[in-house]
Amino acid sequence: ERMTALDKIRNEQWQDFIPELKDI
């Protein structure tokens, strides 16, 4: 919840920087 909310505010996507988290 917090990661996606902050990504939206900052116009970022965690998948681009921490791809290993796709596993969880």
PDB file of all heavy atoms in Angstrom:
ATOM      1  N   GLU A   1       0.823  -1.199   0.000  1.00  0.00           N
ATOM      2  CA  GLU A   1       0.000   0.000   0.000  1.00  0.00           C
ATOM      3  C   GLU A   1       0.867   1.263   0.000  1.00  0.00           C
ATOM      4  O   GLU A   1       0.644   2.198  -0.784  1.00  0.00           O
ATOM      5  CB  GLU A   1      -0.915  -0.013   1.225  1.00  0.00           C
ATOM      6  CG  GLU A   1      -1.774   1.233   1.385  1.00  0.00           C
ATOM      7  CD  GLU A   1      -2.467   1.283   2.738  1.00  0.00           C
ATOM      8  OE1 GLU A   1      -2.758   0.198   3.302  1.00  0.00           O
ATOM      9  OE2 GLU A   1      -2.700   2.402   3.252  1.00  0.00           O
ATOM     10  N   ARG A   2       1.875   1.289   0.893  1.00  0.00           N
ATOM     11  CA  ARG A   2       2.726   2.467   1.009  1.00  0.00           C
ATOM     12  C   ARG A   2       3.640   2.626  -0.214  1.00  0.00           C
ATOM     13  O   ARG A   2       3.833   3.744  -0.703  1.00  0.00           O
ATOM     14  CB  ARG A   2       3.558   2.364   2.284  1.00  0.00           C
ATOM     15  CG  ARG A   2       4.361   3.601   2.639  1.00  0.00           C
ATOM     16  CD  ARG A   2       3.476   4.807   2.868  1.00  0.00           C
ATOM     17  NE  ARG A   2       4.286   5.972   3.229  1.00  0.00           N
ATOM     18  CZ  ARG A   2       4.314   6.520   4.425  1.00  0.00           C
ATOM     19  NH1 ARG A   2       3.571   5.990   5.391  1.00  0.00           N
ATOM     20  NH2 ARG A   2       5.069   7.559   4.683  1.00  0.00           N
ATOM     21  N   MET A   3       4.183   1.523  -0.706  1.00  0.00           N
ATOM     22  CA  MET A   3       5.065   1.594  -1.873  1.00  0.00           C
ATOM     23  C   MET A   3       4.334   2.151  -3.085  1.00  0.00           C
ATOM     24  O   MET A   3       4.839   3.033  -3.791  1.00  0.00           O
ATOM     25  CB  MET A   3       5.628   0.210  -2.188  1.00  0.00           C
ATOM     26  CG  MET A   3       6.673  -0.273  -1.223  1.00  0.00           C
ATOM     27  SD  MET A   3       8.279   0.551  -1.376  1.00  0.00           S
ATOM     28  CE  MET A   3       8.926  -0.229  -2.862  1.00  0.00           C
ATOM     29  N   THR A   4       3.144   1.634  -3.377  1.00  0.00           N
ATOM     30  CA  THR A   4       2.412   2.076  -4.559  1.00  0.00           C
ATOM     31  C   THR A   4       1.919   3.510  -4.414  1.00  0.00           C
ATOM     32  O   THR A   4       1.902   4.265  -5.395  1.00  0.00           O
ATOM     33  CB  THR A   4       1.236   1.127  -4.853  1.00  0.00           C
ATOM     34  OG1 THR A   4       0.434   0.961  -3.707  1.00  0.00           O
ATOM     35  CG2 THR A   4       1.725  -0.221  -5.261  1.00  0.00           C
ATOM     36  N   ALA A   5       1.517   3.895  -3.191  1.00  0.00           N
ATOM     37  CA  ALA A   5       1.054   5.267  -2.967  1.00  0.00           C
ATOM     38  C   ALA A   5       2.185   6.264  -3.193  1.00  0.00           C
ATOM     39  O   ALA A   5       2.000   7.308  -3.825  1.00  0.00           O
ATOM     40  CB  ALA A   5       0.496   5.409  -1.556  1.00  0.00           C
ATOM     41  N   LEU A   6       3.377   5.933  -2.674  1.00  0.00           N
ATOM     42  CA  LEU A   6       4.509   6.833  -2.833  1.00  0.00           C
ATOM     43  C   LEU A   6       5.006   6.838  -4.276  1.00  0.00           C
ATOM     44  O   LEU A   6       5.427   7.879  -4.790  1.00  0.00           O
ATOM     45  CB  LEU A   6       5.628   6.431  -1.870  1.00  0.00           C
ATOM     46  CG  LEU A   6       6.650   7.500  -1.470  1.00  0.00           C
ATOM     47  CD1 LEU A   6       5.965   8.757  -0.952  1.00  0.00           C
ATOM     48  CD2 LEU A   6       7.608   6.952  -0.403  1.00  0.00           C
ATOM     49  N   ASP A   7       4.964   5.693  -4.924  1.00  0.00           N
ATOM     50  CA  ASP A   7       5.319   5.635  -6.344  1.00  0.00           C
ATOM     51  C   ASP A   7       4.430   6.563  -7.166  1.00  0.00           C
ATOM     52  O   ASP A   7       4.898   7.263  -8.078  1.00  0.00           O
ATOM     53  CB  ASP A   7       5.178   4.205  -6.872  1.00  0.00           C
ATOM     54  CG  ASP A   7       6.406   3.354  -6.615  1.00  0.00           C
ATOM     55  OD1 ASP A   7       7.423   3.894  -6.119  1.00  0.00           O
ATOM     56  OD2 ASP A   7       6.368   2.147  -6.928  1.00  0.00           O
ATOM     57  N   LYS A   8       3.148   6.563  -6.871  1.00  0.00           N
ATOM     58  CA  LYS A   8       2.212   7.402  -7.603  1.00  0.00           C
ATOM     59  C   LYS A   8       2.540   8.879  -7.417  1.00  0.00           C
ATOM     60  O   LYS A   8       2.533   9.654  -8.384  1.00  0.00           O
ATOM     61  CB  LYS A   8       0.778   7.111  -7.147  1.00  0.00           C
ATOM     62  CG  LYS A   8      -0.288   7.860  -7.942  1.00  0.00           C
ATOM     63  CD  LYS A   8      -1.687   7.478  -7.485  1.00  0.00           C
ATOM     64  CE  LYS A   8      -2.748   8.213  -8.290  1.00  0.00           C
ATOM     65  NZ  LYS A   8      -4.127   7.830  -7.855  1.00  0.00           N
ATOM     66  N   ILE A   9       2.846   9.274  -6.176  1.00  0.00           N
ATOM     67  CA  ILE A   9       3.180  10.665  -5.881  1.00  0.00           C
ATOM     68  C   ILE A   9       4.471  11.077  -6.584  1.00  0.00           C
ATOM     69  O   ILE A   9       4.580  12.187  -7.118  1.00  0.00           O
ATOM     70  CB  ILE A   9       3.317  10.866  -4.355  1.00  0.00           C
ATOM     71  CG1 ILE A   9       1.953  10.713  -3.673  1.00  0.00           C
ATOM     72  CG2 ILE A   9       3.914  12.231  -4.037  1.00  0.00           C
ATOM     73  CD1 ILE A   9       2.048  10.630  -2.157  1.00  0.00           C
ATOM     74  N   ARG A  10       5.445  10.171  -6.604  1.00  0.00           N
ATOM     75  CA  ARG A  10       6.765  10.489  -7.146  1.00  0.00           C
ATOM     76  C   ARG A  10       6.940  10.100  -8.606  1.00  0.00           C
ATOM     77  O   ARG A  10       8.026  10.249  -9.164  1.00  0.00           O
ATOM     78  CB  ARG A  10       7.841   9.811  -6.286  1.00  0.00           C
ATOM     79  CG  ARG A  10       7.867  10.307  -4.857  1.00  0.00           C
ATOM     80  CD  ARG A  10       8.952   9.621  -4.031  1.00  0.00           C
ATOM     81  NE  ARG A  10       8.997  10.193  -2.675  1.00  0.00           N
ATOM     82  CZ  ARG A  10       9.869   9.829  -1.736  1.00  0.00           C
ATOM     83  NH1 ARG A  10      10.766   8.894  -1.997  1.00  0.00           N
ATOM     84  NH2 ARG A  10       9.832  10.401  -0.540  1.00  0.00           N
ATOM     85  N   ASN A  11       5.886   9.554  -9.208  1.00  0.00           N
ATOM     86  CA  ASN A  11       5.940   9.138 -10.606  1.00  0.00           C
ATOM     87  C   ASN A  11       7.059   8.128 -10.832  1.00  0.00           C
ATOM     88  O   ASN A  11       7.870   8.250 -11.761  1.00  0.00           O
ATOM     89  CB  ASN A  11       6.098  10.346 -11.532  1.00  0.00           C
ATOM     90  CG  ASN A  11       5.795  10.022 -12.994  1.00  0.00           C
ATOM     91  OD1 ASN A  11       4.986   9.128 -13.290  1.00  0.00           O
ATOM     92  ND2 ASN A  11       6.449  10.734 -13.906  1.00  0.00           N
ATOM     93  N   GLU A  12       7.096   7.112  -9.971  1.00  0.00           N
ATOM     94  CA  GLU A  12       8.083   6.046 -10.052  1.00  0.00           C
ATOM     95  C   GLU A  12       7.372   4.701 -10.037  1.00  0.00           C
ATOM     96  O   GLU A  12       6.174   4.620  -9.728  1.00  0.00           O
ATOM     97  CB  GLU A  12       9.075   6.129  -8.883  1.00  0.00           C
ATOM     98  CG  GLU A  12       9.918   7.405  -8.878  1.00  0.00           C
ATOM     99  CD  GLU A  12      10.757   7.540  -7.627  1.00  0.00           C
ATOM    100  OE1 GLU A  12      10.321   7.080  -6.554  1.00  0.00           O
ATOM    101  OE2 GLU A  12      11.848   8.141  -7.708  1.00  0.00           O
ATOM    102  N   GLN A  13       8.114   3.629 -10.351  1.00  0.00           N
ATOM    103  CA  GLN A  13       7.596   2.272 -10.259  1.00  0.00           C
ATOM    104  C   GLN A  13       8.640   1.389  -9.611  1.00  0.00           C
ATOM    105  O   GLN A  13       9.773   1.268 -10.113  1.00  0.00           O
ATOM    106  CB  GLN A  13       7.224   1.724 -11.649  1.00  0.00           C
ATOM    107  CG  GLN A  13       5.998   2.369 -12.281  1.00  0.00           C
ATOM    108  CD  GLN A  13       5.585   1.659 -13.554  1.00  0.00           C
ATOM    109  OE1 GLN A  13       6.406   1.327 -14.394  1.00  0.00           O
ATOM    110  NE2 GLN A  13       4.311   1.417 -13.711  1.00  0.00           N
ATOM    111  N   TRP A  14       8.284   0.774  -8.496  1.00  0.00           N
ATOM    112  CA  TRP A  14       9.249  -0.042  -7.769  1.00  0.00           C
ATOM    113  C   TRP A  14       9.825  -1.164  -8.625  1.00  0.00           C
ATOM    114  O   TRP A  14      10.981  -1.573  -8.444  1.00  0.00           O
ATOM    115  CB  TRP A  14       8.616  -0.608  -6.492  1.00  0.00           C
ATOM    116  CG  TRP A  14       7.420  -1.501  -6.708  1.00  0.00           C
ATOM    117  CD1 TRP A  14       6.104  -1.134  -6.666  1.00  0.00           C
ATOM    118  CD2 TRP A  14       7.419  -2.902  -7.021  1.00  0.00           C
ATOM    119  NE1 TRP A  14       5.293  -2.226  -6.924  1.00  0.00           N
ATOM    120  CE2 TRP A  14       6.079  -3.320  -7.137  1.00  0.00           C
ATOM    121  CE3 TRP A  14       8.432  -3.844  -7.216  1.00  0.00           C
ATOM    122  CZ2 TRP A  14       5.718  -4.629  -7.454  1.00  0.00           C
ATOM    123  CZ3 TRP A  14       8.087  -5.159  -7.515  1.00  0.00           C
ATOM    124  CH2 TRP A  14       6.745  -5.536  -7.625  1.00  0.00           C
ATOM    125  N   GLN A  15       9.042  -1.654  -9.592  1.00  0.00           N
ATOM    126  CA  GLN A  15       9.504  -2.752 -10.450  1.00  0.00           C
ATOM    127  C   GLN A  15      10.769  -2.386 -11.218  1.00  0.00           C
ATOM    128  O   GLN A  15      11.559  -3.265 -11.561  1.00  0.00           O
ATOM    129  CB  GLN A  15       8.401  -3.167 -11.445  1.00  0.00           C
ATOM    130  CG  GLN A  15       7.127  -3.686 -10.797  1.00  0.00           C
ATOM    131  CD  GLN A  15       6.091  -2.624 -10.571  1.00  0.00           C
ATOM    132  OE1 GLN A  15       6.410  -1.456 -10.351  1.00  0.00           O
ATOM    133  NE2 GLN A  15       4.833  -3.024 -10.634  1.00  0.00           N
ATOM    134  N   ASP A  16      10.951  -1.095 -11.488  1.00  0.00           N
ATOM    135  CA  ASP A  16      12.118  -0.643 -12.249  1.00  0.00           C
ATOM    136  C   ASP A  16      13.392  -0.650 -11.413  1.00  0.00           C
ATOM    137  O   ASP A  16      14.496  -0.643 -11.968  1.00  0.00           O
ATOM    138  CB  ASP A  16      11.883   0.766 -12.796  1.00  0.00           C
ATOM    139  CG  ASP A  16      10.728   0.839 -13.784  1.00  0.00           C
ATOM    140  OD1 ASP A  16      10.415  -0.207 -14.395  1.00  0.00           O
ATOM    141  OD2 ASP A  16      10.150   1.930 -13.941  1.00  0.00           O
ATOM    142  N   PHE A  17      13.258  -0.645 -10.092  1.00  0.00           N
ATOM    143  CA  PHE A  17      14.411  -0.483  -9.216  1.00  0.00           C
ATOM    144  C   PHE A  17      14.649  -1.673  -8.276  1.00  0.00           C
ATOM    145  O   PHE A  17      15.780  -1.945  -7.901  1.00  0.00           O
ATOM    146  CB  PHE A  17      14.246   0.793  -8.374  1.00  0.00           C
ATOM    147  CG  PHE A  17      14.035   2.026  -9.197  1.00  0.00           C
ATOM    148  CD1 PHE A  17      12.761   2.495  -9.489  1.00  0.00           C
ATOM    149  CD2 PHE A  17      15.120   2.711  -9.715  1.00  0.00           C
ATOM    150  CE1 PHE A  17      12.567   3.632 -10.263  1.00  0.00           C
ATOM    151  CE2 PHE A  17      14.938   3.854 -10.486  1.00  0.00           C
ATOM    152  CZ  PHE A  17      13.660   4.304 -10.769  1.00  0.00           C
ATOM    153  N   ILE A  18      13.573  -2.360  -7.897  1.00  0.00           N
ATOM    154  CA  ILE A  18      13.690  -3.492  -6.986  1.00  0.00           C
ATOM    155  C   ILE A  18      12.952  -4.677  -7.613  1.00  0.00           C
ATOM    156  O   ILE A  18      11.921  -5.151  -7.103  1.00  0.00           O
ATOM    157  CB  ILE A  18      13.107  -3.171  -5.592  1.00  0.00           C
ATOM    158  CG1 ILE A  18      13.504  -1.759  -5.148  1.00  0.00           C
ATOM    159  CG2 ILE A  18      13.605  -4.189  -4.557  1.00  0.00           C
ATOM    160  CD1 ILE A  18      12.909  -1.322  -3.832  1.00  0.00           C
ATOM    161  N   PRO A  19      13.427  -5.183  -8.760  1.00  0.00           N
ATOM    162  CA  PRO A  19      12.675  -6.201  -9.507  1.00  0.00           C
ATOM    163  C   PRO A  19      12.473  -7.504  -8.741  1.00  0.00           C
ATOM    164  O   PRO A  19      11.503  -8.225  -9.006  1.00  0.00           O
ATOM    165  CB  PRO A  19      13.527  -6.411 -10.765  1.00  0.00           C
ATOM    166  CG  PRO A  19      14.908  -5.931 -10.399  1.00  0.00           C
ATOM    167  CD  PRO A  19      14.687  -4.810  -9.450  1.00  0.00           C
ATOM    168  N   GLU A  20      13.354  -7.822  -7.790  1.00  0.00           N
ATOM    169  CA  GLU A  20      13.222  -9.074  -7.065  1.00  0.00           C
ATOM    170  C   GLU A  20      11.955  -9.141  -6.202  1.00  0.00           C
ATOM    171  O   GLU A  20      11.502 -10.218  -5.821  1.00  0.00           O
ATOM    172  CB  GLU A  20      14.452  -9.337  -6.182  1.00  0.00           C
ATOM    173  CG  GLU A  20      14.654  -8.367  -5.011  1.00  0.00           C
ATOM    174  CD  GLU A  20      15.484  -7.151  -5.367  1.00  0.00           C
ATOM    175  OE1 GLU A  20      15.576  -6.827  -6.565  1.00  0.00           O
ATOM    176  OE2 GLU A  20      16.037  -6.512  -4.444  1.00  0.00           O
ATOM    177  N   LEU A  21      11.358  -7.978  -5.911  1.00  0.00           N
ATOM    178  CA  LEU A  21      10.146  -7.965  -5.100  1.00  0.00           C
ATOM    179  C   LEU A  21       8.929  -8.505  -5.850  1.00  0.00           C
ATOM    180  O   LEU A  21       7.893  -8.779  -5.245  1.00  0.00           O
ATOM    181  CB  LEU A  21       9.850  -6.550  -4.589  1.00  0.00           C
ATOM    182  CG  LEU A  21      10.830  -5.978  -3.565  1.00  0.00           C
ATOM    183  CD1 LEU A  21      10.373  -4.599  -3.095  1.00  0.00           C
ATOM    184  CD2 LEU A  21      10.966  -6.905  -2.368  1.00  0.00           C
ATOM    185  N   LYS A  22       9.059  -8.683  -7.172  1.00  0.00           N
ATOM    186  CA  LYS A  22       7.962  -9.287  -7.930  1.00  0.00           C
ATOM    187  C   LYS A  22       7.649 -10.679  -7.390  1.00  0.00           C
ATOM    188  O   LYS A  22       6.520 -11.161  -7.515  1.00  0.00           O
ATOM    189  CB  LYS A  22       8.330  -9.362  -9.409  1.00  0.00           C
ATOM    190  CG  LYS A  22       8.476  -8.004 -10.098  1.00  0.00           C
ATOM    191  CD  LYS A  22       8.946  -8.161 -11.533  1.00  0.00           C
ATOM    192  CE  LYS A  22       9.186  -6.796 -12.188  1.00  0.00           C
ATOM    193  NZ  LYS A  22       9.715  -6.925 -13.577  1.00  0.00           N
ATOM    194  N   ASP A  23       8.662 -11.318  -6.784  1.00  0.00           N
ATOM    195  CA  ASP A  23       8.486 -12.677  -6.258  1.00  0.00           C
ATOM    196  C   ASP A  23       7.522 -12.734  -5.082  1.00  0.00           C
ATOM    197  O   ASP A  23       6.985 -13.796  -4.779  1.00  0.00           O
ATOM    198  CB  ASP A  23       9.839 -13.263  -5.822  1.00  0.00           C
ATOM    199  CG  ASP A  23      10.769 -13.531  -6.995  1.00  0.00           C
ATOM    200  OD1 ASP A  23      10.282 -13.536  -8.147  1.00  0.00           O
ATOM    201  OD2 ASP A  23      11.972 -13.734  -6.763  1.00  0.00           O
ATOM    202  N   ILE A  24       7.337 -11.610  -4.382  1.00  0.00           N
ATOM    203  CA  ILE A  24       6.460 -11.635  -3.211  1.00  0.00           C
ATOM    204  C   ILE A  24       5.203 -10.788  -3.411  1.00  0.00           C
ATOM    205  O   ILE A  24       4.469 -10.539  -2.471  1.00  0.00           O
ATOM    206  CB  ILE A  24       7.192 -11.191  -1.936  1.00  0.00           C
ATOM    207  CG1 ILE A  24       7.724  -9.754  -2.056  1.00  0.00           C
ATOM    208  CG2 ILE A  24       8.316 -12.148  -1.606  1.00  0.00           C
ATOM    209  CD1 ILE A  24       8.314  -9.229  -0.732  1.00  0.00           C
TER     210      ILE A  24
END
